[in-house]
């Protein structure tokens, strides 16, 4: 029996335009994510470097782009958070049947932008729908590393088999499944988080 629900944020609740940042950077010579950039992005998602240091390093790769442009390009991935999804998680929380946990790979700049786009009243509605609200950059860990799932289970004294995890990235659901967590790899554009109960 499922007692705990862990939801991803991007492309499960909030809509993303994943290629947007790369597209915005093409005019500044971006061609692909190099191993150095990949390391930088992962460190930033784990909160191992500050936003200032992150922008310093990105600026070194793209010296002709202003910091303002880099910030806008970085945040351009973030689209809208549809009201029907927010209503859905609020309704789920109100039913009080499941422990509700958010588990998101994200970073400081993105969360600040989300707050600005949503407005603090809506952002707080979102946050308050969850019993626990985990953001990778505050945890020092990120998906798909199994340590992050292990941490969530231990910290909240959850049984893996009683826990259901929804994420749009297969690598993440695969990692959670290795620990015995039940998973739904949501296909963006074909499935909606509002179908959750039919998947449990």
C-alpha atoms as a PDB file:
ATOM      1  CA  UNK A   1       0.000   0.000   0.000  1.00  0.00           C
ATOM      2  CA  UNK A   2       1.352   3.405  -0.970  1.00  0.00           C
ATOM      3  CA  UNK A   3       1.701   5.824   1.963  1.00  0.00           C
ATOM      4  CA  UNK A   4       4.228   8.317   0.592  1.00  0.00           C
ATOM      5  CA  UNK A   5       4.351  10.280  -2.647  1.00  0.00           C
ATOM      6  CA  UNK A   6       7.548  11.931  -3.889  1.00  0.00           C
ATOM      7  CA  UNK A   7       7.099  14.355  -6.787  1.00  0.00           C
ATOM      8  CA  UNK A   8       9.671  15.931  -9.060  1.00  0.00           C
ATOM      9  CA  UNK A   9       9.135  19.618  -9.902  1.00  0.00           C
ATOM     10  CA  UNK A  10      10.310  20.384 -13.456  1.00  0.00           C
ATOM     11  CA  UNK A  11       8.079  19.022 -16.243  1.00  0.00           C
ATOM     12  CA  UNK A  12       5.946  17.207 -13.664  1.00  0.00           C
ATOM     13  CA  UNK A  13       4.454  20.296 -12.018  1.00  0.00           C
ATOM     14  CA  UNK A  14       6.057  23.321 -13.688  1.00  0.00           C
ATOM     15  CA  UNK A  15       6.464  23.318 -17.480  1.00  0.00           C
ATOM     16  CA  UNK A  16      10.009  23.536 -18.796  1.00  0.00           C
ATOM     17  CA  UNK A  17      11.581  24.414 -22.119  1.00  0.00           C
ATOM     18  CA  UNK A  18      14.701  22.302 -21.646  1.00  0.00           C
ATOM     19  CA  UNK A  19      16.546  23.399 -24.833  1.00  0.00           C
ATOM     20  CA  UNK A  20      15.886  27.135 -24.184  1.00  0.00           C
ATOM     21  CA  UNK A  21      19.172  27.915 -22.410  1.00  0.00           C
ATOM     22  CA  UNK A  22      21.288  26.228 -25.095  1.00  0.00           C
ATOM     23  CA  UNK A  23      19.351  28.079 -27.825  1.00  0.00           C
ATOM     24  CA  UNK A  24      19.870  31.411 -26.065  1.00  0.00           C
ATOM     25  CA  UNK A  25      23.624  30.766 -25.841  1.00  0.00           C
ATOM     26  CA  UNK A  26      24.218  29.744 -29.485  1.00  0.00           C
ATOM     27  CA  UNK A  27      24.828  33.365 -30.486  1.00  0.00           C
ATOM     28  CA  UNK A  28      27.643  33.433 -27.912  1.00  0.00           C
ATOM     29  CA  UNK A  29      29.355  30.397 -29.386  1.00  0.00           C
ATOM     30  CA  UNK A  30      27.671  27.603 -27.443  1.00  0.00           C
ATOM     31  CA  UNK A  31      27.722  24.308 -29.364  1.00  0.00           C
ATOM     32  CA  UNK A  32      27.394  21.594 -26.721  1.00  0.00           C
ATOM     33  CA  UNK A  33      27.657  20.901 -23.013  1.00  0.00           C
ATOM     34  CA  UNK A  34      31.333  20.146 -22.431  1.00  0.00           C
ATOM     35  CA  UNK A  35      32.485  17.951 -19.511  1.00  0.00           C
ATOM     36  CA  UNK A  36      33.601  21.153 -17.732  1.00  0.00           C
ATOM     37  CA  UNK A  37      30.178  22.771 -18.097  1.00  0.00           C
ATOM     38  CA  UNK A  38      28.429  19.538 -17.061  1.00  0.00           C
ATOM     39  CA  UNK A  39      30.576  19.414 -13.894  1.00  0.00           C
ATOM     40  CA  UNK A  40      29.798  23.088 -13.216  1.00  0.00           C
ATOM     41  CA  UNK A  41      26.028  22.584 -13.642  1.00  0.00           C
ATOM     42  CA  UNK A  42      26.051  19.551 -11.337  1.00  0.00           C
ATOM     43  CA  UNK A  43      28.091  21.344  -8.674  1.00  0.00           C
ATOM     44  CA  UNK A  44      25.683  24.278  -8.826  1.00  0.00           C
ATOM     45  CA  UNK A  45      22.665  21.949  -8.531  1.00  0.00           C
ATOM     46  CA  UNK A  46      24.286  20.442  -5.448  1.00  0.00           C
ATOM     47  CA  UNK A  47      24.813  23.897  -3.957  1.00  0.00           C
ATOM     48  CA  UNK A  48      28.578  23.377  -3.874  1.00  0.00           C
ATOM     49  CA  UNK A  49      29.123  26.809  -5.423  1.00  0.00           C
ATOM     50  CA  UNK A  50      27.277  30.109  -4.996  1.00  0.00           C
ATOM     51  CA  UNK A  51      25.280  31.801  -7.746  1.00  0.00           C
ATOM     52  CA  UNK A  52      27.990  34.476  -7.986  1.00  0.00           C
ATOM     53  CA  UNK A  53      30.740  31.887  -8.491  1.00  0.00           C
ATOM     54  CA  UNK A  54      28.550  29.985 -10.928  1.00  0.00           C
ATOM     55  CA  UNK A  55      28.008  33.089 -13.062  1.00  0.00           C
ATOM     56  CA  UNK A  56      31.733  33.918 -12.813  1.00  0.00           C
ATOM     57  CA  UNK A  57      32.611  30.506 -14.244  1.00  0.00           C
ATOM     58  CA  UNK A  58      29.961  30.648 -16.970  1.00  0.00           C
ATOM     59  CA  UNK A  59      31.188  34.153 -17.882  1.00  0.00           C
ATOM     60  CA  UNK A  60      34.690  32.757 -18.339  1.00  0.00           C
ATOM     61  CA  UNK A  61      33.290  30.341 -20.960  1.00  0.00           C
ATOM     62  CA  UNK A  62      31.205  33.037 -22.683  1.00  0.00           C
ATOM     63  CA  UNK A  63      33.059  36.342 -22.123  1.00  0.00           C
ATOM     64  CA  UNK A  64      30.941  38.341 -24.601  1.00  0.00           C
ATOM     65  CA  UNK A  65      27.656  37.634 -22.800  1.00  0.00           C
ATOM     66  CA  UNK A  66      26.658  40.017 -20.014  1.00  0.00           C
ATOM     67  CA  UNK A  67      25.845  38.539 -16.613  1.00  0.00           C
ATOM     68  CA  UNK A  68      22.285  39.775 -17.042  1.00  0.00           C
ATOM     69  CA  UNK A  69      22.028  37.910 -20.351  1.00  0.00           C
ATOM     70  CA  UNK A  70      23.560  34.763 -18.809  1.00  0.00           C
ATOM     71  CA  UNK A  71      21.035  34.873 -15.957  1.00  0.00           C
ATOM     72  CA  UNK A  72      18.116  35.356 -18.354  1.00  0.00           C
ATOM     73  CA  UNK A  73      19.385  32.538 -20.590  1.00  0.00           C
ATOM     74  CA  UNK A  74      19.805  30.249 -17.572  1.00  0.00           C
ATOM     75  CA  UNK A  75      16.268  30.995 -16.374  1.00  0.00           C
ATOM     76  CA  UNK A  76      14.658  30.774 -19.822  1.00  0.00           C
ATOM     77  CA  UNK A  77      14.074  27.051 -19.242  1.00  0.00           C
ATOM     78  CA  UNK A  78      11.321  27.934 -16.717  1.00  0.00           C
ATOM     79  CA  UNK A  79       7.793  28.253 -18.104  1.00  0.00           C
ATOM     80  CA  UNK A  80       4.405  28.311 -16.364  1.00  0.00           C
ATOM     81  CA  UNK A  81       3.043  26.307 -13.445  1.00  0.00           C
ATOM     82  CA  UNK A  82      -0.531  25.459 -14.562  1.00  0.00           C
ATOM     83  CA  UNK A  83      -3.238  26.141 -11.988  1.00  0.00           C
ATOM     84  CA  UNK A  84      -4.850  22.716 -12.515  1.00  0.00           C
ATOM     85  CA  UNK A  85      -1.647  21.011 -11.319  1.00  0.00           C
ATOM     86  CA  UNK A  86      -1.367  23.280  -8.309  1.00  0.00           C
ATOM     87  CA  UNK A  87      -5.015  22.576  -7.472  1.00  0.00           C
ATOM     88  CA  UNK A  88      -4.366  18.857  -7.871  1.00  0.00           C
ATOM     89  CA  UNK A  89      -1.491  18.737  -5.359  1.00  0.00           C
ATOM     90  CA  UNK A  90      -3.435  20.949  -2.936  1.00  0.00           C
ATOM     91  CA  UNK A  91      -6.393  18.561  -3.185  1.00  0.00           C
ATOM     92  CA  UNK A  92      -4.095  15.565  -2.648  1.00  0.00           C
ATOM     93  CA  UNK A  93      -2.607  17.253   0.413  1.00  0.00           C
ATOM     94  CA  UNK A  94      -6.088  18.103   1.771  1.00  0.00           C
ATOM     95  CA  UNK A  95      -7.126  14.424   1.546  1.00  0.00           C
ATOM     96  CA  UNK A  96      -4.298  13.668   3.993  1.00  0.00           C
ATOM     97  CA  UNK A  97      -3.884  10.107   2.713  1.00  0.00           C
ATOM     98  CA  UNK A  98      -0.221  10.361   1.805  1.00  0.00           C
ATOM     99  CA  UNK A  99       2.945  11.943   3.096  1.00  0.00           C
ATOM    100  CA  UNK A 100       3.759  14.460   0.354  1.00  0.00           C
ATOM    101  CA  UNK A 101       7.398  15.125  -0.547  1.00  0.00           C
ATOM    102  CA  UNK A 102       8.885  17.321  -3.254  1.00  0.00           C
ATOM    103  CA  UNK A 103      12.305  16.260  -4.551  1.00  0.00           C
ATOM    104  CA  UNK A 104      13.766  18.569  -7.175  1.00  0.00           C
ATOM    105  CA  UNK A 105      17.139  18.963  -8.844  1.00  0.00           C
ATOM    106  CA  UNK A 106      17.327  22.731  -8.878  1.00  0.00           C
ATOM    107  CA  UNK A 107      19.482  25.704  -8.006  1.00  0.00           C
ATOM    108  CA  UNK A 108      19.291  29.069  -6.323  1.00  0.00           C
ATOM    109  CA  UNK A 109      18.817  31.178  -9.495  1.00  0.00           C
ATOM    110  CA  UNK A 110      15.985  28.945 -10.735  1.00  0.00           C
ATOM    111  CA  UNK A 111      14.097  28.957  -7.436  1.00  0.00           C
ATOM    112  CA  UNK A 112      14.353  32.741  -7.152  1.00  0.00           C
ATOM    113  CA  UNK A 113      12.983  33.020 -10.707  1.00  0.00           C
ATOM    114  CA  UNK A 114      10.146  30.584  -9.926  1.00  0.00           C
ATOM    115  CA  UNK A 115       9.168  32.706  -6.904  1.00  0.00           C
ATOM    116  CA  UNK A 116       9.167  35.824  -9.071  1.00  0.00           C
ATOM    117  CA  UNK A 117       7.147  34.199 -11.868  1.00  0.00           C
ATOM    118  CA  UNK A 118       4.599  32.580  -9.560  1.00  0.00           C
ATOM    119  CA  UNK A 119       4.446  35.352  -6.983  1.00  0.00           C
ATOM    120  CA  UNK A 120       5.041  34.490  -3.333  1.00  0.00           C
ATOM    121  CA  UNK A 121       1.394  33.772  -2.574  1.00  0.00           C
ATOM    122  CA  UNK A 122       1.209  31.065  -5.258  1.00  0.00           C
ATOM    123  CA  UNK A 123       4.696  29.789  -4.439  1.00  0.00           C
ATOM    124  CA  UNK A 124       3.683  29.352  -0.799  1.00  0.00           C
ATOM    125  CA  UNK A 125       0.523  27.488  -1.855  1.00  0.00           C
ATOM    126  CA  UNK A 126       2.815  25.152  -3.792  1.00  0.00           C
ATOM    127  CA  UNK A 127       5.296  24.718  -0.940  1.00  0.00           C
ATOM    128  CA  UNK A 128       2.576  24.260   1.678  1.00  0.00           C
ATOM    129  CA  UNK A 129       1.050  21.338  -0.259  1.00  0.00           C
ATOM    130  CA  UNK A 130       4.103  19.281   0.766  1.00  0.00           C
ATOM    131  CA  UNK A 131       5.081  17.855   4.131  1.00  0.00           C
ATOM    132  CA  UNK A 132       8.722  18.020   3.103  1.00  0.00           C
ATOM    133  CA  UNK A 133      10.240  20.198   0.383  1.00  0.00           C
ATOM    134  CA  UNK A 134      13.644  19.020  -0.840  1.00  0.00           C
ATOM    135  CA  UNK A 135      15.740  21.083  -3.262  1.00  0.00           C
ATOM    136  CA  UNK A 136      19.011  19.539  -4.414  1.00  0.00           C
ATOM    137  CA  UNK A 137      21.103  22.686  -3.930  1.00  0.00           C
ATOM    138  CA  UNK A 138      20.054  22.823  -0.247  1.00  0.00           C
ATOM    139  CA  UNK A 139      20.843  19.122   0.240  1.00  0.00           C
ATOM    140  CA  UNK A 140      24.291  18.861  -1.373  1.00  0.00           C
ATOM    141  CA  UNK A 141      22.975  15.910  -3.415  1.00  0.00           C
ATOM    142  CA  UNK A 142      21.187  15.438  -6.714  1.00  0.00           C
ATOM    143  CA  UNK A 143      19.237  12.835  -8.661  1.00  0.00           C
ATOM    144  CA  UNK A 144      19.960  10.252 -10.058  1.00  0.00           C
ATOM    145  CA  UNK A 145      22.554   9.505  -7.333  1.00  0.00           C
ATOM    146  CA  UNK A 146      20.963   6.870  -5.117  1.00  0.00           C
ATOM    147  CA  UNK A 147      22.274   8.630  -1.987  1.00  0.00           C
ATOM    148  CA  UNK A 148      19.569  11.292  -2.369  1.00  0.00           C
ATOM    149  CA  UNK A 149      16.753   8.720  -2.413  1.00  0.00           C
ATOM    150  CA  UNK A 150      18.360   6.827   0.448  1.00  0.00           C
ATOM    151  CA  UNK A 151      18.566  10.078   2.415  1.00  0.00           C
ATOM    152  CA  UNK A 152      14.860  10.874   1.840  1.00  0.00           C
ATOM    153  CA  UNK A 153      13.841   7.365   2.953  1.00  0.00           C
ATOM    154  CA  UNK A 154      16.042   7.406   6.090  1.00  0.00           C
ATOM    155  CA  UNK A 155      15.322  11.021   7.070  1.00  0.00           C
ATOM    156  CA  UNK A 156      11.551  10.477   6.920  1.00  0.00           C
ATOM    157  CA  UNK A 157      11.574   6.849   8.105  1.00  0.00           C
ATOM    158  CA  UNK A 158       9.840   5.695   4.933  1.00  0.00           C
ATOM    159  CA  UNK A 159       9.546   2.147   3.643  1.00  0.00           C
ATOM    160  CA  UNK A 160      10.642   2.040  -0.008  1.00  0.00           C
ATOM    161  CA  UNK A 161       7.805  -0.293  -1.035  1.00  0.00           C
ATOM    162  CA  UNK A 162       5.240   2.120   0.443  1.00  0.00           C
ATOM    163  CA  UNK A 163       6.729   5.055  -1.467  1.00  0.00           C
ATOM    164  CA  UNK A 164       5.782   6.243  -4.976  1.00  0.00           C
ATOM    165  CA  UNK A 165       8.089   8.529  -6.955  1.00  0.00           C
ATOM    166  CA  UNK A 166       7.144  10.526 -10.073  1.00  0.00           C
ATOM    167  CA  UNK A 167       9.820  12.011 -12.358  1.00  0.00           C
ATOM    168  CA  UNK A 168      10.044  12.765 -16.081  1.00  0.00           C
ATOM    169  CA  UNK A 169      13.696  11.628 -16.301  1.00  0.00           C
ATOM    170  CA  UNK A 170      14.062   7.851 -16.693  1.00  0.00           C
ATOM    171  CA  UNK A 171      17.543   7.865 -15.174  1.00  0.00           C
ATOM    172  CA  UNK A 172      16.008   9.230 -11.958  1.00  0.00           C
ATOM    173  CA  UNK A 173      13.110   6.775 -11.731  1.00  0.00           C
ATOM    174  CA  UNK A 174      15.483   3.889 -12.568  1.00  0.00           C
ATOM    175  CA  UNK A 175      17.771   4.912  -9.695  1.00  0.00           C
ATOM    176  CA  UNK A 176      14.871   5.127  -7.223  1.00  0.00           C
ATOM    177  CA  UNK A 177      13.554   1.738  -8.391  1.00  0.00           C
ATOM    178  CA  UNK A 178      16.857   0.063  -7.471  1.00  0.00           C
ATOM    179  CA  UNK A 179      16.040   0.889  -3.825  1.00  0.00           C
ATOM    180  CA  UNK A 180      12.592  -0.712  -4.090  1.00  0.00           C
ATOM    181  CA  UNK A 181      10.696   2.578  -4.501  1.00  0.00           C
ATOM    182  CA  UNK A 182       7.660   2.329  -6.787  1.00  0.00           C
ATOM    183  CA  UNK A 183       8.056   4.695  -9.730  1.00  0.00           C
ATOM    184  CA  UNK A 184       6.267   6.411 -12.581  1.00  0.00           C
ATOM    185  CA  UNK A 185       8.439   7.797 -15.352  1.00  0.00           C
ATOM    186  CA  UNK A 186       5.991  10.436 -16.578  1.00  0.00           C
ATOM    187  CA  UNK A 187       6.098  11.070 -20.345  1.00  0.00           C
ATOM    188  CA  UNK A 188       5.912  14.817 -20.842  1.00  0.00           C
ATOM    189  CA  UNK A 189       3.183  15.898 -23.242  1.00  0.00           C
ATOM    190  CA  UNK A 190       1.562  12.448 -23.159  1.00  0.00           C
ATOM    191  CA  UNK A 191       0.781  12.067 -19.471  1.00  0.00           C
ATOM    192  CA  UNK A 192      -0.237  14.417 -16.664  1.00  0.00           C
ATOM    193  CA  UNK A 193       0.567  14.294 -12.966  1.00  0.00           C
ATOM    194  CA  UNK A 194      -3.197  14.653 -12.393  1.00  0.00           C
ATOM    195  CA  UNK A 195      -3.466  10.973 -13.504  1.00  0.00           C
ATOM    196  CA  UNK A 196      -1.417   9.995 -10.460  1.00  0.00           C
ATOM    197  CA  UNK A 197      -4.093   8.030  -8.617  1.00  0.00           C
ATOM    198  CA  UNK A 198      -4.616   5.719 -11.577  1.00  0.00           C
ATOM    199  CA  UNK A 199      -0.901   4.854 -11.403  1.00  0.00           C
ATOM    200  CA  UNK A 200      -0.725   4.037  -7.703  1.00  0.00           C
END
